[in-house]
């Protein structure tokens, strides 16, 4: 998508038209064409090239009190993205800089620079900066090291293990000297997990998770990094070790529910095993992102962590269909939308 020579920049944008009940549908969105003006003092214009697609986006559509305000009706859909600075009146950014920030589902974004960071594409490609070196990687890192208080030699269980956060979390645990069990859907995903170092993978679509977990981790698990909730959370709770830490990262099984799902049935395991269950939000660790990026980048460099992205090419109109694939398990690793106009294709990197 070539940049216009001078502003204003014509931009396609995806707006939130109405709040969904249950699964979002095409009525949830409105695609518009607008003009992004030249930057004023302290501002930049970014040409967006890759948009991050995340399960957490579903919660951002609900008008409820949460860790972040909901996306407003008529606003550009919130999304992390990478891009190139095409106009700048900001002292910290030059035209041509590769950057990452919450630019939204749009072809061009005007920004005052807050929350925007430059990225080094010689270290990794843009999709990886939205995955292992982006918020999913930060989530995995701080969820394990700070919330999970992970120690070498422990046994770690990761649900949603073939996704953006789970796949990195499992590999971080291996890099820290732990035994790692992953839960994922389908034989291909389970085979991939063992190929990147997981000690065992449980196919929740074809196996009894509780029985298999007791087979592969007979002494129980020390850290359970949960991305799924529901029955999977209950299975993990049933197989804890004494002083285990359950890290609540997400609950993708319930994000599109139209009523409150049942709570954990096996929560008394926390009492029996003197365990803890803690939720966290990665934004609380923003001042420490450089620490995590440097560490994960070193693991990628030495092969301890394999960064994988499923990149779907298309325009902003492709967001809806592509994003819903997260809830159907269509992706392995990080799901990214590459803004390439009307052309579409799928590649796994």
C-alpha atoms as a PDB file:
ATOM      1  CA  UNK A   1       0.000   0.000   0.000  1.00  0.00           C
ATOM      2  CA  UNK A   2       2.103   2.970  -1.208  1.00  0.00           C
ATOM      3  CA  UNK A   3       2.050   6.142   0.859  1.00  0.00           C
ATOM      4  CA  UNK A   4       0.669   9.315  -0.714  1.00  0.00           C
ATOM      5  CA  UNK A   5       3.353  11.893  -1.357  1.00  0.00           C
ATOM      6  CA  UNK A   6       1.727  14.522   0.838  1.00  0.00           C
ATOM      7  CA  UNK A   7      -1.049  14.672   3.443  1.00  0.00           C
ATOM      8  CA  UNK A   8      -3.952  14.375   3.908  1.00  0.00           C
ATOM      9  CA  UNK A   9      -3.798  10.590   3.752  1.00  0.00           C
ATOM     10  CA  UNK A  10      -6.865   8.715   2.538  1.00  0.00           C
ATOM     11  CA  UNK A  11      -7.551   5.905   4.992  1.00  0.00           C
ATOM     12  CA  UNK A  12      -9.991   3.033   5.269  1.00  0.00           C
ATOM     13  CA  UNK A  13     -11.045   2.480   8.894  1.00  0.00           C
ATOM     14  CA  UNK A  14     -13.165  -0.054  10.772  1.00  0.00           C
ATOM     15  CA  UNK A  15     -15.594   1.535  13.247  1.00  0.00           C
ATOM     16  CA  UNK A  16     -17.674  -0.065  15.996  1.00  0.00           C
ATOM     17  CA  UNK A  17     -21.278   0.369  14.828  1.00  0.00           C
ATOM     18  CA  UNK A  18     -23.116  -1.541  17.570  1.00  0.00           C
ATOM     19  CA  UNK A  19     -22.241  -3.639  20.596  1.00  0.00           C
ATOM     20  CA  UNK A  20     -22.614  -7.358  19.929  1.00  0.00           C
ATOM     21  CA  UNK A  21     -24.555  -9.824  22.029  1.00  0.00           C
ATOM     22  CA  UNK A  22     -22.790 -13.147  21.849  1.00  0.00           C
ATOM     23  CA  UNK A  23     -20.776 -13.622  18.667  1.00  0.00           C
ATOM     24  CA  UNK A  24     -20.118 -10.373  16.812  1.00  0.00           C
ATOM     25  CA  UNK A  25     -21.564 -10.291  13.321  1.00  0.00           C
ATOM     26  CA  UNK A  26     -21.101  -8.029  10.314  1.00  0.00           C
ATOM     27  CA  UNK A  27     -23.581  -5.528  11.784  1.00  0.00           C
ATOM     28  CA  UNK A  28     -21.086  -4.915  14.574  1.00  0.00           C
ATOM     29  CA  UNK A  29     -18.850  -2.939  12.206  1.00  0.00           C
ATOM     30  CA  UNK A  30     -18.876  -0.109   9.725  1.00  0.00           C
ATOM     31  CA  UNK A  31     -16.083   0.514   7.231  1.00  0.00           C
ATOM     32  CA  UNK A  32     -15.529   4.134   6.245  1.00  0.00           C
ATOM     33  CA  UNK A  33     -13.078   6.124   4.172  1.00  0.00           C
ATOM     34  CA  UNK A  34     -11.703   9.255   5.795  1.00  0.00           C
ATOM     35  CA  UNK A  35      -8.800  11.672   5.513  1.00  0.00           C
ATOM     36  CA  UNK A  36      -6.017  11.667   8.087  1.00  0.00           C
ATOM     37  CA  UNK A  37      -4.570  15.196   8.232  1.00  0.00           C
ATOM     38  CA  UNK A  38      -0.980  16.321   8.374  1.00  0.00           C
ATOM     39  CA  UNK A  39       0.489  16.041  11.876  1.00  0.00           C
ATOM     40  CA  UNK A  40       0.533  19.034  14.149  1.00  0.00           C
ATOM     41  CA  UNK A  41       3.340  19.837  16.602  1.00  0.00           C
ATOM     42  CA  UNK A  42       4.220  16.709  18.598  1.00  0.00           C
ATOM     43  CA  UNK A  43       2.296  14.378  16.270  1.00  0.00           C
ATOM     44  CA  UNK A  44       3.052  11.696  13.703  1.00  0.00           C
ATOM     45  CA  UNK A  45       1.138   9.906  10.960  1.00  0.00           C
ATOM     46  CA  UNK A  46       1.716   6.164  10.693  1.00  0.00           C
ATOM     47  CA  UNK A  47       0.947   3.962   7.692  1.00  0.00           C
ATOM     48  CA  UNK A  48      -0.293   0.740   9.325  1.00  0.00           C
ATOM     49  CA  UNK A  49       0.957  -2.533   7.850  1.00  0.00           C
ATOM     50  CA  UNK A  50       0.118  -5.263  10.400  1.00  0.00           C
ATOM     51  CA  UNK A  51      -2.776  -5.411  12.882  1.00  0.00           C
ATOM     52  CA  UNK A  52      -2.797  -7.626  15.976  1.00  0.00           C
ATOM     53  CA  UNK A  53      -5.877  -9.841  16.424  1.00  0.00           C
ATOM     54  CA  UNK A  54      -6.436 -10.873  20.031  1.00  0.00           C
ATOM     55  CA  UNK A  55      -9.149 -12.624  22.093  1.00  0.00           C
ATOM     56  CA  UNK A  56      -9.122  -9.701  24.549  1.00  0.00           C
ATOM     57  CA  UNK A  57     -10.649  -7.506  21.854  1.00  0.00           C
ATOM     58  CA  UNK A  58     -13.999  -9.178  22.518  1.00  0.00           C
ATOM     59  CA  UNK A  59     -14.067  -7.781  26.041  1.00  0.00           C
ATOM     60  CA  UNK A  60     -13.251  -4.301  24.744  1.00  0.00           C
ATOM     61  CA  UNK A  61     -16.593  -4.273  22.897  1.00  0.00           C
ATOM     62  CA  UNK A  62     -18.663  -4.617  26.083  1.00  0.00           C
ATOM     63  CA  UNK A  63     -19.837  -1.462  27.847  1.00  0.00           C
ATOM     64  CA  UNK A  64     -18.868  -2.675  31.306  1.00  0.00           C
ATOM     65  CA  UNK A  65     -16.341  -1.660  33.930  1.00  0.00           C
ATOM     66  CA  UNK A  66     -13.023  -3.332  33.171  1.00  0.00           C
ATOM     67  CA  UNK A  67      -9.261  -2.801  33.156  1.00  0.00           C
ATOM     68  CA  UNK A  68      -9.597  -0.592  30.055  1.00  0.00           C
ATOM     69  CA  UNK A  69     -12.495   1.571  28.805  1.00  0.00           C
ATOM     70  CA  UNK A  70     -14.650  -0.042  26.114  1.00  0.00           C
ATOM     71  CA  UNK A  71     -14.315   0.963  22.489  1.00  0.00           C
ATOM     72  CA  UNK A  72     -16.853   3.730  21.925  1.00  0.00           C
ATOM     73  CA  UNK A  73     -19.607   3.497  19.350  1.00  0.00           C
ATOM     74  CA  UNK A  74     -18.424   5.168  16.165  1.00  0.00           C
ATOM     75  CA  UNK A  75     -14.776   4.851  17.176  1.00  0.00           C
ATOM     76  CA  UNK A  76     -12.029   3.060  15.261  1.00  0.00           C
ATOM     77  CA  UNK A  77     -11.710  -0.503  16.553  1.00  0.00           C
ATOM     78  CA  UNK A  78      -8.874  -0.594  19.067  1.00  0.00           C
ATOM     79  CA  UNK A  79      -5.933  -2.799  18.054  1.00  0.00           C
ATOM     80  CA  UNK A  80      -2.213  -3.004  18.454  1.00  0.00           C
ATOM     81  CA  UNK A  81      -0.445  -2.554  15.139  1.00  0.00           C
ATOM     82  CA  UNK A  82       2.878  -1.935  13.450  1.00  0.00           C
ATOM     83  CA  UNK A  83       3.611   0.535  10.720  1.00  0.00           C
ATOM     84  CA  UNK A  84       5.888   3.169   9.237  1.00  0.00           C
ATOM     85  CA  UNK A  85       6.036   6.856  10.110  1.00  0.00           C
ATOM     86  CA  UNK A  86       5.127   8.765   6.927  1.00  0.00           C
ATOM     87  CA  UNK A  87       4.912  12.277   8.404  1.00  0.00           C
ATOM     88  CA  UNK A  88       6.326  13.631  11.648  1.00  0.00           C
ATOM     89  CA  UNK A  89       6.435  16.758  13.748  1.00  0.00           C
ATOM     90  CA  UNK A  90       7.481  14.788  16.828  1.00  0.00           C
ATOM     91  CA  UNK A  91      11.077  15.066  18.103  1.00  0.00           C
ATOM     92  CA  UNK A  92      11.305  11.323  18.885  1.00  0.00           C
ATOM     93  CA  UNK A  93      10.160   9.970  15.506  1.00  0.00           C
ATOM     94  CA  UNK A  94      11.468  10.392  11.986  1.00  0.00           C
ATOM     95  CA  UNK A  95       9.850   9.619   8.660  1.00  0.00           C
ATOM     96  CA  UNK A  96      10.695   6.001   7.824  1.00  0.00           C
ATOM     97  CA  UNK A  97      10.805   4.762  11.428  1.00  0.00           C
ATOM     98  CA  UNK A  98       9.191   1.367  12.004  1.00  0.00           C
ATOM     99  CA  UNK A  99       6.886   1.677  14.999  1.00  0.00           C
ATOM    100  CA  UNK A 100       4.385  -0.223  17.121  1.00  0.00           C
ATOM    101  CA  UNK A 101       1.401   1.130  19.034  1.00  0.00           C
ATOM    102  CA  UNK A 102      -2.366   1.037  19.561  1.00  0.00           C
ATOM    103  CA  UNK A 103      -3.149   2.494  16.141  1.00  0.00           C
ATOM    104  CA  UNK A 104      -6.407   0.573  15.580  1.00  0.00           C
ATOM    105  CA  UNK A 105      -7.897  -1.131  12.538  1.00  0.00           C
ATOM    106  CA  UNK A 106      -7.063   1.602  10.057  1.00  0.00           C
ATOM    107  CA  UNK A 107      -4.733   2.166   7.130  1.00  0.00           C
ATOM    108  CA  UNK A 108      -3.316   5.430   8.527  1.00  0.00           C
ATOM    109  CA  UNK A 109      -3.254   6.716  12.096  1.00  0.00           C
ATOM    110  CA  UNK A 110      -2.574  10.141  13.588  1.00  0.00           C
ATOM    111  CA  UNK A 111      -0.779   9.853  16.936  1.00  0.00           C
ATOM    112  CA  UNK A 112       0.745  12.093  19.576  1.00  0.00           C
ATOM    113  CA  UNK A 113       3.388   9.433  20.181  1.00  0.00           C
ATOM    114  CA  UNK A 114       2.108   8.223  23.545  1.00  0.00           C
ATOM    115  CA  UNK A 115       2.400   4.446  23.741  1.00  0.00           C
ATOM    116  CA  UNK A 116       4.301   4.324  20.453  1.00  0.00           C
ATOM    117  CA  UNK A 117       7.709   2.654  20.306  1.00  0.00           C
ATOM    118  CA  UNK A 118      10.198   2.150  17.516  1.00  0.00           C
ATOM    119  CA  UNK A 119      10.903  -1.459  16.567  1.00  0.00           C
ATOM    120  CA  UNK A 120      13.983  -3.038  15.031  1.00  0.00           C
ATOM    121  CA  UNK A 121      12.953  -5.093  12.011  1.00  0.00           C
ATOM    122  CA  UNK A 122      16.466  -6.544  11.811  1.00  0.00           C
ATOM    123  CA  UNK A 123      15.750  -8.347  15.102  1.00  0.00           C
ATOM    124  CA  UNK A 124      12.410  -9.774  13.932  1.00  0.00           C
ATOM    125  CA  UNK A 125       9.703  -9.094  11.375  1.00  0.00           C
ATOM    126  CA  UNK A 126       6.700  -6.920  12.151  1.00  0.00           C
ATOM    127  CA  UNK A 127       4.350  -9.868  12.935  1.00  0.00           C
ATOM    128  CA  UNK A 128       6.750 -11.102  15.634  1.00  0.00           C
ATOM    129  CA  UNK A 129       6.711  -7.630  17.214  1.00  0.00           C
ATOM    130  CA  UNK A 130       2.963  -8.157  17.641  1.00  0.00           C
ATOM    131  CA  UNK A 131       3.466 -11.689  18.983  1.00  0.00           C
ATOM    132  CA  UNK A 132       6.436 -13.013  20.913  1.00  0.00           C
ATOM    133  CA  UNK A 133       8.007  -9.541  21.183  1.00  0.00           C
ATOM    134  CA  UNK A 134       4.657  -7.800  21.657  1.00  0.00           C
ATOM    135  CA  UNK A 135       1.882  -7.926  24.231  1.00  0.00           C
ATOM    136  CA  UNK A 136       1.412 -11.725  23.972  1.00  0.00           C
ATOM    137  CA  UNK A 137       5.074 -12.249  24.785  1.00  0.00           C
ATOM    138  CA  UNK A 138       4.947  -9.701  27.597  1.00  0.00           C
ATOM    139  CA  UNK A 139       1.854 -11.458  28.969  1.00  0.00           C
ATOM    140  CA  UNK A 140       3.540 -14.845  28.916  1.00  0.00           C
ATOM    141  CA  UNK A 141       6.742 -13.539  30.470  1.00  0.00           C
ATOM    142  CA  UNK A 142       5.286 -11.583  33.385  1.00  0.00           C
ATOM    143  CA  UNK A 143       2.481 -14.071  33.941  1.00  0.00           C
ATOM    144  CA  UNK A 144       5.031 -16.804  34.549  1.00  0.00           C
ATOM    145  CA  UNK A 145       7.881 -14.937  36.218  1.00  0.00           C
ATOM    146  CA  UNK A 146       5.995 -12.468  38.400  1.00  0.00           C
ATOM    147  CA  UNK A 147       2.491 -13.859  38.919  1.00  0.00           C
ATOM    148  CA  UNK A 148       3.431 -17.533  38.665  1.00  0.00           C
ATOM    149  CA  UNK A 149       6.757 -17.090  40.481  1.00  0.00           C
ATOM    150  CA  UNK A 150       8.150 -19.862  38.312  1.00  0.00           C
ATOM    151  CA  UNK A 151      11.193 -21.778  39.532  1.00  0.00           C
ATOM    152  CA  UNK A 152      13.485 -24.152  37.589  1.00  0.00           C
ATOM    153  CA  UNK A 153      12.491 -27.804  37.869  1.00  0.00           C
ATOM    154  CA  UNK A 154       8.779 -27.147  38.333  1.00  0.00           C
ATOM    155  CA  UNK A 155       5.963 -28.634  36.266  1.00  0.00           C
ATOM    156  CA  UNK A 156       3.931 -26.145  34.239  1.00  0.00           C
ATOM    157  CA  UNK A 157       0.539 -26.608  32.592  1.00  0.00           C
ATOM    158  CA  UNK A 158      -0.513 -24.215  29.810  1.00  0.00           C
ATOM    159  CA  UNK A 159      -4.013 -24.149  28.308  1.00  0.00           C
ATOM    160  CA  UNK A 160      -4.618 -22.562  24.932  1.00  0.00           C
ATOM    161  CA  UNK A 161      -1.043 -23.659  24.419  1.00  0.00           C
ATOM    162  CA  UNK A 162      -0.919 -23.309  20.625  1.00  0.00           C
ATOM    163  CA  UNK A 163      -2.070 -19.690  20.695  1.00  0.00           C
ATOM    164  CA  UNK A 164      -0.086 -16.473  20.771  1.00  0.00           C
ATOM    165  CA  UNK A 165       0.346 -16.299  24.552  1.00  0.00           C
ATOM    166  CA  UNK A 166       0.290 -19.993  25.389  1.00  0.00           C
ATOM    167  CA  UNK A 167       2.939 -21.063  22.897  1.00  0.00           C
ATOM    168  CA  UNK A 168       5.361 -18.434  24.187  1.00  0.00           C
ATOM    169  CA  UNK A 169       4.539 -19.206  27.822  1.00  0.00           C
ATOM    170  CA  UNK A 170       5.341 -22.879  27.366  1.00  0.00           C
ATOM    171  CA  UNK A 171       8.619 -22.153  25.657  1.00  0.00           C
ATOM    172  CA  UNK A 172       9.623 -19.638  28.318  1.00  0.00           C
ATOM    173  CA  UNK A 173       8.963 -22.288  30.959  1.00  0.00           C
ATOM    174  CA  UNK A 174      11.176 -24.742  29.050  1.00  0.00           C
ATOM    175  CA  UNK A 175      13.903 -22.107  28.710  1.00  0.00           C
ATOM    176  CA  UNK A 176      13.749 -21.699  32.494  1.00  0.00           C
ATOM    177  CA  UNK A 177      14.292 -25.425  33.056  1.00  0.00           C
ATOM    178  CA  UNK A 178      10.750 -26.655  33.672  1.00  0.00           C
ATOM    179  CA  UNK A 179       8.659 -29.614  32.536  1.00  0.00           C
ATOM    180  CA  UNK A 180       5.820 -28.292  30.365  1.00  0.00           C
ATOM    181  CA  UNK A 181       2.445 -29.764  29.442  1.00  0.00           C
ATOM    182  CA  UNK A 182       0.244 -28.009  26.904  1.00  0.00           C
ATOM    183  CA  UNK A 183      -3.469 -28.316  26.157  1.00  0.00           C
ATOM    184  CA  UNK A 184      -4.546 -27.562  22.579  1.00  0.00           C
ATOM    185  CA  UNK A 185      -7.185 -28.531  20.037  1.00  0.00           C
ATOM    186  CA  UNK A 186      -6.327 -31.079  17.371  1.00  0.00           C
ATOM    187  CA  UNK A 187      -3.436 -33.430  16.558  1.00  0.00           C
ATOM    188  CA  UNK A 188      -1.597 -30.930  14.348  1.00  0.00           C
ATOM    189  CA  UNK A 189      -1.391 -28.336  17.087  1.00  0.00           C
ATOM    190  CA  UNK A 190      -0.340 -30.923  19.652  1.00  0.00           C
ATOM    191  CA  UNK A 191       2.368 -32.225  17.328  1.00  0.00           C
ATOM    192  CA  UNK A 192       3.641 -28.686  16.823  1.00  0.00           C
ATOM    193  CA  UNK A 193       3.826 -28.124  20.582  1.00  0.00           C
ATOM    194  CA  UNK A 194       6.002 -31.170  21.138  1.00  0.00           C
ATOM    195  CA  UNK A 195       8.168 -30.136  18.172  1.00  0.00           C
ATOM    196  CA  UNK A 196       8.995 -26.831  19.882  1.00  0.00           C
ATOM    197  CA  UNK A 197       9.880 -28.427  23.202  1.00  0.00           C
ATOM    198  CA  UNK A 198       6.705 -29.126  25.167  1.00  0.00           C
ATOM    199  CA  UNK A 199       7.154 -32.372  27.080  1.00  0.00           C
ATOM    200  CA  UNK A 200       3.554 -33.440  26.446  1.00  0.00           C
ATOM    201  CA  UNK A 201       0.484 -32.103  24.666  1.00  0.00           C
ATOM    202  CA  UNK A 202      -3.145 -32.998  25.416  1.00  0.00           C
ATOM    203  CA  UNK A 203      -5.759 -32.763  22.659  1.00  0.00           C
ATOM    204  CA  UNK A 204      -8.870 -31.500  24.419  1.00  0.00           C
ATOM    205  CA  UNK A 205     -10.972 -32.283  21.348  1.00  0.00           C
ATOM    206  CA  UNK A 206     -10.156 -35.984  21.400  1.00  0.00           C
ATOM    207  CA  UNK A 207      -8.864 -36.840  24.878  1.00  0.00           C
ATOM    208  CA  UNK A 208     -10.137 -36.757  28.431  1.00  0.00           C
ATOM    209  CA  UNK A 209      -8.094 -33.834  29.717  1.00  0.00           C
ATOM    210  CA  UNK A 210      -8.307 -34.752  33.392  1.00  0.00           C
ATOM    211  CA  UNK A 211      -7.285 -38.369  32.835  1.00  0.00           C
ATOM    212  CA  UNK A 212      -4.441 -37.491  30.453  1.00  0.00           C
ATOM    213  CA  UNK A 213      -3.189 -34.779  32.761  1.00  0.00           C
ATOM    214  CA  UNK A 214      -2.888 -37.247  35.601  1.00  0.00           C
ATOM    215  CA  UNK A 215      -0.961 -39.554  33.288  1.00  0.00           C
ATOM    216  CA  UNK A 216       1.570 -36.994  32.063  1.00  0.00           C
ATOM    217  CA  UNK A 217       1.867 -35.071  35.368  1.00  0.00           C
ATOM    218  CA  UNK A 218       1.218 -37.709  38.052  1.00  0.00           C
ATOM    219  CA  UNK A 219       2.688 -35.535  40.808  1.00  0.00           C
ATOM    220  CA  UNK A 220       0.519 -32.572  39.837  1.00  0.00           C
ATOM    221  CA  UNK A 221       1.468 -29.170  38.447  1.00  0.00           C
ATOM    222  CA  UNK A 222       3.217 -26.300  40.182  1.00  0.00           C
ATOM    223  CA  UNK A 223       2.070 -23.534  37.834  1.00  0.00           C
ATOM    224  CA  UNK A 224      -1.099 -23.576  35.739  1.00  0.00           C
ATOM    225  CA  UNK A 225      -1.154 -20.802  33.134  1.00  0.00           C
ATOM    226  CA  UNK A 226      -4.805 -20.696  32.048  1.00  0.00           C
ATOM    227  CA  UNK A 227      -6.058 -18.993  28.894  1.00  0.00           C
ATOM    228  CA  UNK A 228      -9.325 -20.904  28.518  1.00  0.00           C
ATOM    229  CA  UNK A 229     -11.430 -21.159  31.685  1.00  0.00           C
ATOM    230  CA  UNK A 230     -14.476 -23.447  31.961  1.00  0.00           C
ATOM    231  CA  UNK A 231     -13.943 -27.197  32.026  1.00  0.00           C
ATOM    232  CA  UNK A 232     -10.255 -26.819  31.215  1.00  0.00           C
ATOM    233  CA  UNK A 233      -9.735 -24.662  34.285  1.00  0.00           C
ATOM    234  CA  UNK A 234     -11.520 -27.271  36.398  1.00  0.00           C
ATOM    235  CA  UNK A 235      -9.310 -30.042  35.037  1.00  0.00           C
ATOM    236  CA  UNK A 236      -6.193 -28.101  35.936  1.00  0.00           C
ATOM    237  CA  UNK A 237      -7.497 -27.292  39.409  1.00  0.00           C
ATOM    238  CA  UNK A 238      -8.011 -31.013  40.009  1.00  0.00           C
ATOM    239  CA  UNK A 239      -4.324 -31.752  39.461  1.00  0.00           C
ATOM    240  CA  UNK A 240      -2.407 -29.170  41.486  1.00  0.00           C
ATOM    241  CA  UNK A 241       0.584 -29.720  43.712  1.00  0.00           C
ATOM    242  CA  UNK A 242       0.942 -28.212  47.152  1.00  0.00           C
ATOM    243  CA  UNK A 243       1.573 -24.442  46.945  1.00  0.00           C
ATOM    244  CA  UNK A 244       0.707 -24.380  43.243  1.00  0.00           C
ATOM    245  CA  UNK A 245       0.050 -21.042  41.532  1.00  0.00           C
ATOM    246  CA  UNK A 246      -2.835 -20.735  39.067  1.00  0.00           C
ATOM    247  CA  UNK A 247      -2.286 -17.797  36.712  1.00  0.00           C
ATOM    248  CA  UNK A 248      -5.534 -16.458  35.236  1.00  0.00           C
ATOM    249  CA  UNK A 249      -4.595 -14.936  31.904  1.00  0.00           C
ATOM    250  CA  UNK A 250      -7.878 -15.316  30.003  1.00  0.00           C
ATOM    251  CA  UNK A 251     -11.036 -17.362  29.489  1.00  0.00           C
ATOM    252  CA  UNK A 252     -11.597 -17.583  25.760  1.00  0.00           C
ATOM    253  CA  UNK A 253     -14.199 -20.317  26.223  1.00  0.00           C
ATOM    254  CA  UNK A 254     -16.614 -17.738  27.677  1.00  0.00           C
ATOM    255  CA  UNK A 255     -15.871 -14.534  25.775  1.00  0.00           C
ATOM    256  CA  UNK A 256     -18.901 -14.820  23.476  1.00  0.00           C
ATOM    257  CA  UNK A 257     -21.309 -16.237  26.068  1.00  0.00           C
ATOM    258  CA  UNK A 258     -24.660 -14.469  26.381  1.00  0.00           C
ATOM    259  CA  UNK A 259     -24.958 -15.286  30.087  1.00  0.00           C
ATOM    260  CA  UNK A 260     -22.493 -15.692  32.904  1.00  0.00           C
ATOM    261  CA  UNK A 261     -20.779 -19.090  32.697  1.00  0.00           C
ATOM    262  CA  UNK A 262     -20.615 -21.370  35.698  1.00  0.00           C
ATOM    263  CA  UNK A 263     -17.716 -20.651  37.983  1.00  0.00           C
ATOM    264  CA  UNK A 264     -14.925 -23.111  38.833  1.00  0.00           C
ATOM    265  CA  UNK A 265     -16.341 -26.241  40.429  1.00  0.00           C
ATOM    266  CA  UNK A 266     -13.047 -27.471  41.833  1.00  0.00           C
ATOM    267  CA  UNK A 267     -11.974 -24.277  43.574  1.00  0.00           C
ATOM    268  CA  UNK A 268     -11.598 -26.123  46.888  1.00  0.00           C
ATOM    269  CA  UNK A 269      -8.426 -27.615  45.403  1.00  0.00           C
ATOM    270  CA  UNK A 270      -6.909 -24.230  46.234  1.00  0.00           C
ATOM    271  CA  UNK A 271      -7.623 -24.946  49.893  1.00  0.00           C
ATOM    272  CA  UNK A 272      -6.538 -28.588  49.842  1.00  0.00           C
ATOM    273  CA  UNK A 273      -3.234 -27.859  48.107  1.00  0.00           C
ATOM    274  CA  UNK A 274      -2.618 -24.483  49.803  1.00  0.00           C
ATOM    275  CA  UNK A 275      -2.574 -23.011  46.304  1.00  0.00           C
ATOM    276  CA  UNK A 276      -3.298 -19.542  44.937  1.00  0.00           C
ATOM    277  CA  UNK A 277      -5.209 -18.305  41.900  1.00  0.00           C
ATOM    278  CA  UNK A 278      -4.342 -14.826  40.639  1.00  0.00           C
ATOM    279  CA  UNK A 279      -5.510 -12.715  37.742  1.00  0.00           C
ATOM    280  CA  UNK A 280      -3.337 -10.072  36.104  1.00  0.00           C
ATOM    281  CA  UNK A 281      -3.294  -7.503  33.303  1.00  0.00           C
ATOM    282  CA  UNK A 282      -0.133  -7.083  31.251  1.00  0.00           C
ATOM    283  CA  UNK A 283      -0.503  -3.292  31.048  1.00  0.00           C
ATOM    284  CA  UNK A 284       0.537  -3.152  34.710  1.00  0.00           C
ATOM    285  CA  UNK A 285       4.052  -4.117  33.621  1.00  0.00           C
ATOM    286  CA  UNK A 286       4.494  -1.502  30.890  1.00  0.00           C
ATOM    287  CA  UNK A 287       7.574   0.057  32.481  1.00  0.00           C
ATOM    288  CA  UNK A 288       9.282  -3.353  32.360  1.00  0.00           C
ATOM    289  CA  UNK A 289       8.507  -4.291  28.742  1.00  0.00           C
ATOM    290  CA  UNK A 290      12.130  -3.652  27.636  1.00  0.00           C
ATOM    291  CA  UNK A 291      13.301  -6.293  30.134  1.00  0.00           C
ATOM    292  CA  UNK A 292      10.970  -8.891  28.675  1.00  0.00           C
ATOM    293  CA  UNK A 293      11.690  -7.922  25.054  1.00  0.00           C
ATOM    294  CA  UNK A 294      15.446  -8.237  25.558  1.00  0.00           C
ATOM    295  CA  UNK A 295      15.109 -11.617  27.274  1.00  0.00           C
ATOM    296  CA  UNK A 296      12.664 -13.103  24.765  1.00  0.00           C
ATOM    297  CA  UNK A 297      14.685 -11.745  21.832  1.00  0.00           C
ATOM    298  CA  UNK A 298      17.751 -13.532  23.208  1.00  0.00           C
ATOM    299  CA  UNK A 299      15.770 -16.772  23.461  1.00  0.00           C
ATOM    300  CA  UNK A 300      14.557 -16.368  19.876  1.00  0.00           C
ATOM    301  CA  UNK A 301      18.131 -15.744  18.777  1.00  0.00           C
ATOM    302  CA  UNK A 302      19.490 -18.903  20.434  1.00  0.00           C
ATOM    303  CA  UNK A 303      16.534 -21.053  19.362  1.00  0.00           C
ATOM    304  CA  UNK A 304      14.995 -21.509  22.813  1.00  0.00           C
ATOM    305  CA  UNK A 305      11.801 -19.797  21.636  1.00  0.00           C
ATOM    306  CA  UNK A 306      10.229 -20.290  18.212  1.00  0.00           C
ATOM    307  CA  UNK A 307       8.055 -17.350  17.210  1.00  0.00           C
ATOM    308  CA  UNK A 308       5.206 -18.406  14.956  1.00  0.00           C
ATOM    309  CA  UNK A 309       2.560 -16.207  13.349  1.00  0.00           C
ATOM    310  CA  UNK A 310      -0.459 -16.945  11.200  1.00  0.00           C
ATOM    311  CA  UNK A 311      -0.593 -13.937   8.867  1.00  0.00           C
ATOM    312  CA  UNK A 312      -3.749 -13.260   6.884  1.00  0.00           C
ATOM    313  CA  UNK A 313      -3.543 -10.721   4.081  1.00  0.00           C
ATOM    314  CA  UNK A 314      -6.434  -8.403   3.347  1.00  0.00           C
ATOM    315  CA  UNK A 315      -7.915  -4.956   3.852  1.00  0.00           C
ATOM    316  CA  UNK A 316      -9.560  -3.603   6.973  1.00  0.00           C
ATOM    317  CA  UNK A 317     -12.760  -5.290   5.758  1.00  0.00           C
ATOM    318  CA  UNK A 318     -11.090  -8.644   6.405  1.00  0.00           C
ATOM    319  CA  UNK A 319     -10.837  -7.945  10.148  1.00  0.00           C
ATOM    320  CA  UNK A 320     -14.206  -9.436  11.138  1.00  0.00           C
ATOM    321  CA  UNK A 321     -13.879 -12.828   9.464  1.00  0.00           C
ATOM    322  CA  UNK A 322     -10.216 -13.183  10.337  1.00  0.00           C
ATOM    323  CA  UNK A 323     -10.637 -12.205  13.986  1.00  0.00           C
ATOM    324  CA  UNK A 324     -13.514 -14.635  14.547  1.00  0.00           C
ATOM    325  CA  UNK A 325     -11.118 -17.405  13.535  1.00  0.00           C
ATOM    326  CA  UNK A 326      -9.500 -16.999  16.965  1.00  0.00           C
ATOM    327  CA  UNK A 327     -12.611 -18.391  18.638  1.00  0.00           C
ATOM    328  CA  UNK A 328     -12.693 -21.321  16.208  1.00  0.00           C
ATOM    329  CA  UNK A 329      -9.023 -22.195  16.730  1.00  0.00           C
ATOM    330  CA  UNK A 330      -8.026 -21.460  13.141  1.00  0.00           C
ATOM    331  CA  UNK A 331      -4.637 -20.004  14.060  1.00  0.00           C
ATOM    332  CA  UNK A 332      -1.407 -21.468  15.357  1.00  0.00           C
ATOM    333  CA  UNK A 333       0.710 -18.959  17.237  1.00  0.00           C
ATOM    334  CA  UNK A 334      -0.044 -15.270  16.821  1.00  0.00           C
ATOM    335  CA  UNK A 335      -2.859 -14.196  14.459  1.00  0.00           C
ATOM    336  CA  UNK A 336      -2.047 -11.067  12.441  1.00  0.00           C
ATOM    337  CA  UNK A 337      -3.891  -9.185   9.701  1.00  0.00           C
ATOM    338  CA  UNK A 338      -1.540  -7.758   7.068  1.00  0.00           C
ATOM    339  CA  UNK A 339      -3.155  -4.753   5.427  1.00  0.00           C
ATOM    340  CA  UNK A 340      -2.606  -5.305   1.714  1.00  0.00           C
ATOM    341  CA  UNK A 341      -5.678  -3.813   0.095  1.00  0.00           C
ATOM    342  CA  UNK A 342      -8.091  -6.208  -1.567  1.00  0.00           C
ATOM    343  CA  UNK A 343      -5.717  -9.156  -1.970  1.00  0.00           C
ATOM    344  CA  UNK A 344      -6.069 -12.044   0.447  1.00  0.00           C
ATOM    345  CA  UNK A 345      -4.033 -15.102   1.288  1.00  0.00           C
ATOM    346  CA  UNK A 346      -2.881 -17.048   4.303  1.00  0.00           C
ATOM    347  CA  UNK A 347       0.669 -17.868   5.289  1.00  0.00           C
ATOM    348  CA  UNK A 348       2.164 -19.347   8.448  1.00  0.00           C
ATOM    349  CA  UNK A 349       5.512 -17.800   9.350  1.00  0.00           C
END
